[in-house]
Protein backbone atom coordinates (compact mmCIF):
# COMPACT_ATOMS: atom_id res chain seq x y z
CA UNK A 1 156.49 -81.44 -78.57
CA UNK A 2 158.33 -81.09 -81.90
CA UNK A 3 161.60 -82.83 -82.87
CA UNK A 4 162.09 -80.63 -85.82
CA UNK A 5 165.71 -79.41 -86.72
CA UNK A 6 165.49 -78.05 -90.35
CA UNK A 7 164.41 -74.51 -91.73
CA UNK A 8 160.73 -73.46 -92.83
CA UNK A 9 159.95 -70.76 -95.32
CA UNK A 10 157.17 -68.06 -94.65
CA UNK A 11 156.86 -68.93 -90.75
CA UNK A 12 156.74 -65.99 -88.26
CA UNK A 13 156.77 -66.36 -84.45
CA UNK A 14 154.47 -63.48 -82.83
CA UNK A 15 153.20 -63.00 -79.49
CA UNK A 16 149.72 -64.73 -79.30
CA UNK A 17 146.33 -62.75 -79.28
CA UNK A 18 143.03 -63.43 -79.29
CA UNK A 19 142.20 -63.52 -82.74
CA UNK A 20 144.37 -66.57 -82.60
CA UNK A 21 142.29 -68.52 -80.31
CA UNK A 22 140.36 -70.44 -82.71
CA UNK A 23 143.47 -71.60 -84.33
CA UNK A 24 145.74 -72.42 -81.34
CA UNK A 25 142.70 -74.70 -79.91
CA UNK A 26 142.76 -76.58 -83.01
CA UNK A 27 146.34 -76.85 -83.44
CA UNK A 28 147.18 -77.79 -79.85
CA UNK A 29 144.22 -80.63 -80.33
CA UNK A 30 145.58 -82.17 -83.44
CA UNK A 31 149.12 -82.30 -82.03
CA UNK A 32 147.77 -84.05 -79.06
CA UNK A 33 145.75 -86.29 -81.66
CA UNK A 34 142.34 -85.46 -80.43
CA UNK A 35 139.29 -83.98 -82.50
CA UNK A 36 139.08 -79.93 -82.60
CA UNK A 37 135.35 -80.74 -82.73
CA UNK A 38 135.45 -82.15 -79.17
CA UNK A 39 135.90 -80.28 -76.28
CA UNK A 40 139.10 -81.26 -74.70
CA UNK A 41 140.56 -79.34 -71.55
CA UNK A 42 144.09 -79.88 -72.61
CA UNK A 43 143.49 -77.88 -75.64
CA UNK A 44 143.45 -73.96 -74.54
CA UNK A 45 140.23 -73.04 -75.08
CA UNK A 46 139.36 -68.95 -75.99
CA UNK A 47 138.47 -68.54 -71.53
CA UNK A 48 142.07 -69.88 -70.92
CA UNK A 49 144.03 -68.30 -73.50
CA UNK A 50 142.48 -65.03 -71.81
CA UNK A 51 143.37 -65.89 -68.42
CA UNK A 52 147.07 -66.68 -70.33
CA UNK A 53 147.40 -63.19 -71.98
CA UNK A 54 146.06 -61.34 -68.98
CA UNK A 55 148.72 -62.88 -66.78
CA UNK A 56 151.72 -63.08 -68.93
CA UNK A 57 151.15 -62.19 -72.59
CA UNK A 58 154.75 -61.66 -73.78
CA UNK A 59 155.72 -65.43 -72.69
CA UNK A 60 153.22 -66.94 -75.15
CA UNK A 61 153.93 -67.41 -78.36
CA UNK A 62 152.75 -68.63 -82.01
CA UNK A 63 154.27 -69.88 -84.89
CA UNK A 64 152.27 -68.63 -88.05
CA UNK A 65 152.60 -69.62 -91.89
CA UNK A 66 152.14 -67.29 -94.21
CA UNK A 67 150.99 -68.17 -97.85
CA UNK A 68 149.92 -65.56 -99.61
CA UNK A 69 146.95 -63.65 -97.91
CA UNK A 70 146.06 -66.85 -95.55
CA UNK A 71 147.49 -67.16 -92.34
CA UNK A 72 147.59 -70.64 -90.14
CA UNK A 73 148.79 -71.43 -86.92
CA UNK A 74 151.29 -73.79 -86.90
CA UNK A 75 152.99 -74.05 -83.58
CA UNK A 76 151.73 -72.97 -79.94
CA UNK A 77 154.38 -72.12 -76.87
CA UNK A 78 152.92 -71.33 -73.30
CA UNK A 79 155.26 -70.40 -70.92
CA UNK A 80 154.90 -68.42 -67.12
CA UNK A 81 157.46 -67.16 -64.56
CA UNK A 82 158.26 -68.86 -61.24
CA UNK A 83 160.39 -68.41 -58.39
CA UNK A 84 160.11 -71.94 -57.33
CA UNK A 85 164.04 -72.89 -58.29
CA UNK A 86 164.86 -75.70 -60.30
CA UNK A 87 166.28 -77.64 -57.49
CA UNK A 88 162.22 -78.20 -56.43
CA UNK A 89 161.35 -78.48 -59.97
CA UNK A 90 160.73 -82.54 -58.95
CA UNK A 91 157.19 -81.61 -58.63
CA UNK A 92 154.23 -82.16 -60.77
CA UNK A 93 153.13 -80.37 -63.86
CA UNK A 94 149.74 -79.66 -61.36
CA UNK A 95 152.36 -78.59 -58.51
CA UNK A 96 154.52 -75.86 -60.79
CA UNK A 97 151.60 -74.62 -62.94
CA UNK A 98 148.26 -75.56 -61.46
CA UNK A 99 146.29 -75.49 -64.84
CA UNK A 100 146.33 -73.61 -68.52
CA UNK A 101 145.20 -70.90 -66.68
CA UNK A 102 148.55 -70.15 -65.34
CA UNK A 103 147.10 -69.32 -61.71
CA UNK A 104 150.82 -69.82 -59.92
CA UNK A 105 152.68 -67.27 -62.68
CA UNK A 106 154.82 -65.07 -60.39
CA UNK A 107 155.07 -61.96 -62.48
CA UNK A 108 158.37 -61.24 -60.55
CA UNK A 109 159.88 -65.00 -61.19
CA UNK A 110 163.27 -65.23 -62.20
CA UNK A 111 162.74 -68.11 -64.54
CA UNK A 112 160.98 -68.78 -66.86
CA UNK A 113 158.99 -72.26 -66.73
CA UNK A 114 157.56 -74.30 -69.88
CA UNK A 115 153.92 -75.05 -69.49
CA UNK A 116 153.40 -76.42 -73.04
CA UNK A 117 154.62 -76.50 -76.71
CA UNK A 118 152.69 -78.48 -79.86
CA UNK A 119 153.40 -78.07 -83.58
CA UNK A 120 150.88 -79.04 -85.89
CA UNK A 121 151.52 -82.40 -87.28
CA UNK A 122 151.84 -81.37 -90.55
CA UNK A 123 154.72 -78.95 -89.79
CA UNK A 124 156.71 -81.28 -87.71
CA UNK A 125 160.32 -81.60 -88.54
CA UNK A 126 160.28 -78.52 -90.53
CA UNK A 127 162.06 -75.94 -88.28
CA UNK A 128 158.82 -74.79 -86.41
CA UNK A 129 159.58 -75.88 -83.36
CA UNK A 130 163.27 -74.47 -83.43
CA UNK A 131 161.80 -71.28 -84.00
CA UNK A 132 159.30 -71.29 -80.91
CA UNK A 133 162.13 -72.26 -78.92
CA UNK A 134 164.73 -69.19 -80.40
CA UNK A 135 161.83 -67.14 -79.34
CA UNK A 136 161.60 -68.43 -75.94
CA UNK A 137 165.31 -68.15 -75.35
CA UNK A 138 165.31 -64.84 -76.39
CA UNK A 139 162.85 -63.81 -74.04
CA UNK A 140 164.71 -65.00 -71.31
CA UNK A 141 167.30 -63.23 -72.01
CA UNK A 142 165.38 -59.73 -72.50
CA UNK A 143 163.57 -60.87 -69.11
CA UNK A 144 167.19 -60.79 -67.69
CA UNK A 145 166.06 -64.23 -66.01
CA UNK A 146 168.10 -66.64 -64.51
CA UNK A 147 166.91 -69.57 -66.74
CA UNK A 148 164.19 -71.68 -68.31
CA UNK A 149 163.25 -74.73 -67.44
CA UNK A 150 160.98 -77.32 -67.64
CA UNK A 151 159.52 -81.34 -67.49
CA UNK A 152 160.51 -82.79 -70.91
CA UNK A 153 157.96 -85.77 -71.76
CA UNK A 154 159.94 -89.02 -71.94
CA UNK A 155 158.11 -90.00 -75.24
CA UNK A 156 159.96 -92.61 -75.76
CA UNK A 157 159.78 -94.96 -72.80
CA UNK A 158 156.47 -96.75 -74.26
CA UNK A 159 159.41 -98.50 -76.30
CA UNK A 160 161.08 -99.52 -73.02
CA UNK A 161 158.47 -99.66 -70.62
CA UNK A 162 158.31 -103.86 -70.90
CA UNK A 163 162.17 -104.24 -70.02
CA UNK A 164 163.48 -101.33 -67.88
CA UNK A 165 162.06 -98.85 -65.18
CA UNK A 166 161.29 -95.02 -65.87
CA UNK A 167 164.39 -94.17 -63.47
CA UNK A 168 166.62 -96.83 -65.82
CA UNK A 169 165.19 -95.45 -69.03
CA UNK A 170 165.79 -91.86 -67.59
CA UNK A 171 169.27 -92.34 -67.13
CA UNK A 172 170.22 -93.54 -70.08
CA UNK A 173 168.84 -90.63 -71.81
CA UNK A 174 170.32 -88.14 -69.51
CA UNK A 175 173.76 -90.03 -70.34
CA UNK A 176 173.00 -90.17 -73.93
CA UNK A 177 172.83 -94.12 -74.46
CA UNK A 178 169.38 -93.88 -75.80
CA UNK A 179 167.67 -91.38 -77.70
CA UNK A 180 164.36 -90.08 -76.65
CA UNK A 181 162.28 -87.85 -79.13
CA UNK A 182 161.93 -85.04 -76.87
CA UNK A 183 164.25 -85.02 -74.45
CA UNK A 184 167.53 -85.59 -76.54
CA UNK A 185 166.26 -82.98 -78.96
CA UNK A 186 165.86 -80.41 -75.79
CA UNK A 187 169.26 -81.54 -74.66
CA UNK A 188 170.72 -80.83 -78.57
CA UNK A 189 169.45 -77.35 -77.46
CA UNK A 190 171.37 -76.75 -75.11
CA UNK A 191 169.51 -78.06 -71.95
CA UNK A 192 170.86 -79.72 -68.89
CA UNK A 193 169.04 -83.15 -68.09
CA UNK A 194 168.91 -83.43 -64.62
CA UNK A 195 166.78 -86.21 -63.31
CA UNK A 196 163.72 -87.98 -63.43
CA UNK A 197 159.96 -86.49 -62.47
CA UNK A 198 157.91 -89.26 -62.05
CA UNK A 199 154.06 -88.71 -62.20
CA UNK A 200 154.75 -85.46 -64.15
CA UNK A 201 151.79 -85.16 -66.02
CA UNK A 202 149.51 -88.56 -67.59
CA UNK A 203 150.61 -88.76 -71.06
CA UNK A 204 150.14 -92.70 -71.62
CA UNK A 205 153.16 -93.00 -74.03
CA UNK A 206 155.47 -91.31 -71.53
CA UNK A 207 153.74 -93.78 -68.50
CA UNK A 208 153.71 -89.86 -66.86
CA UNK A 209 157.45 -89.63 -66.65
CA UNK A 210 159.05 -86.40 -67.63
CA UNK A 211 162.91 -85.26 -67.32
CA UNK A 212 163.75 -81.99 -65.85
CA UNK A 213 165.64 -79.99 -67.89
CA UNK A 214 167.30 -76.33 -67.55
CA UNK A 215 169.04 -74.27 -69.46
CA UNK A 216 170.97 -71.57 -67.49
CA UNK A 217 170.78 -67.92 -68.47
CA UNK A 218 175.05 -67.08 -68.94
CA UNK A 219 173.74 -63.58 -69.81
CA UNK A 220 172.30 -62.97 -66.44
CA UNK A 221 172.69 -59.76 -64.04
CA UNK A 222 171.71 -59.81 -60.80
CA UNK A 223 169.84 -56.99 -60.02
CA UNK A 224 171.33 -53.72 -58.62
CA UNK A 225 170.99 -53.00 -54.78
CA UNK A 226 168.32 -50.05 -54.75
CA UNK A 227 169.59 -46.69 -52.97
CA UNK A 228 168.07 -46.64 -49.46
CA UNK A 229 167.66 -44.22 -46.23
CA UNK A 230 170.26 -44.27 -43.71
CA UNK A 231 169.60 -47.03 -41.30
CA UNK A 232 168.21 -48.87 -43.91
CA UNK A 233 168.53 -52.46 -44.99
CA UNK A 234 170.13 -52.97 -48.69
CA UNK A 235 168.90 -55.92 -50.39
CA UNK A 236 169.53 -58.06 -53.50
CA UNK A 237 166.53 -59.69 -54.92
């Protein structure tokens, strides 16, 4: 996750396409500190990207830096739709998402779920993350979804693991008594920090711990009831 709050010139956010496959792979690998020369399951291969685009093309984003005729992918955001409500969001990443292929994407889901976001190390704190968040907020509004939630990795816990439990750290972050590089940034963008998700995803710096974060779409409108024949029930979805 990125904690950048500034602005960067010559960057555009667009929906990911297959032409971005190699750049997406490289950016995610570099963001996670692994070599792009290695085959790494967390880095979104071309085959995985094809699955993401076949399931939810409008929910996949890249931030592209333009330098003359040169273009470079410097940020990636992966999302899906789900009908699992945030109240059940204490599930692990694998329970909710399944894999980066997005097998649990629900095309009729009323919530956006944040699967992953990575910013190239050379472009952090330069507004790339801000632009990717903005694109996803706009997607939620455009699709008339109830909101967006995710597990925000508690990346600062590594500095406190020797003296407090994940529960204590998460509570202090939620009450803004401690700053977490990921979750505090998400709270500053309008997400509500709700509760700890233990063993959410095996990232060592966070000791696997994440915070359930929720953003409610205040513009959400209940779908209109469909007209029915006499004797049929009317339902809202």
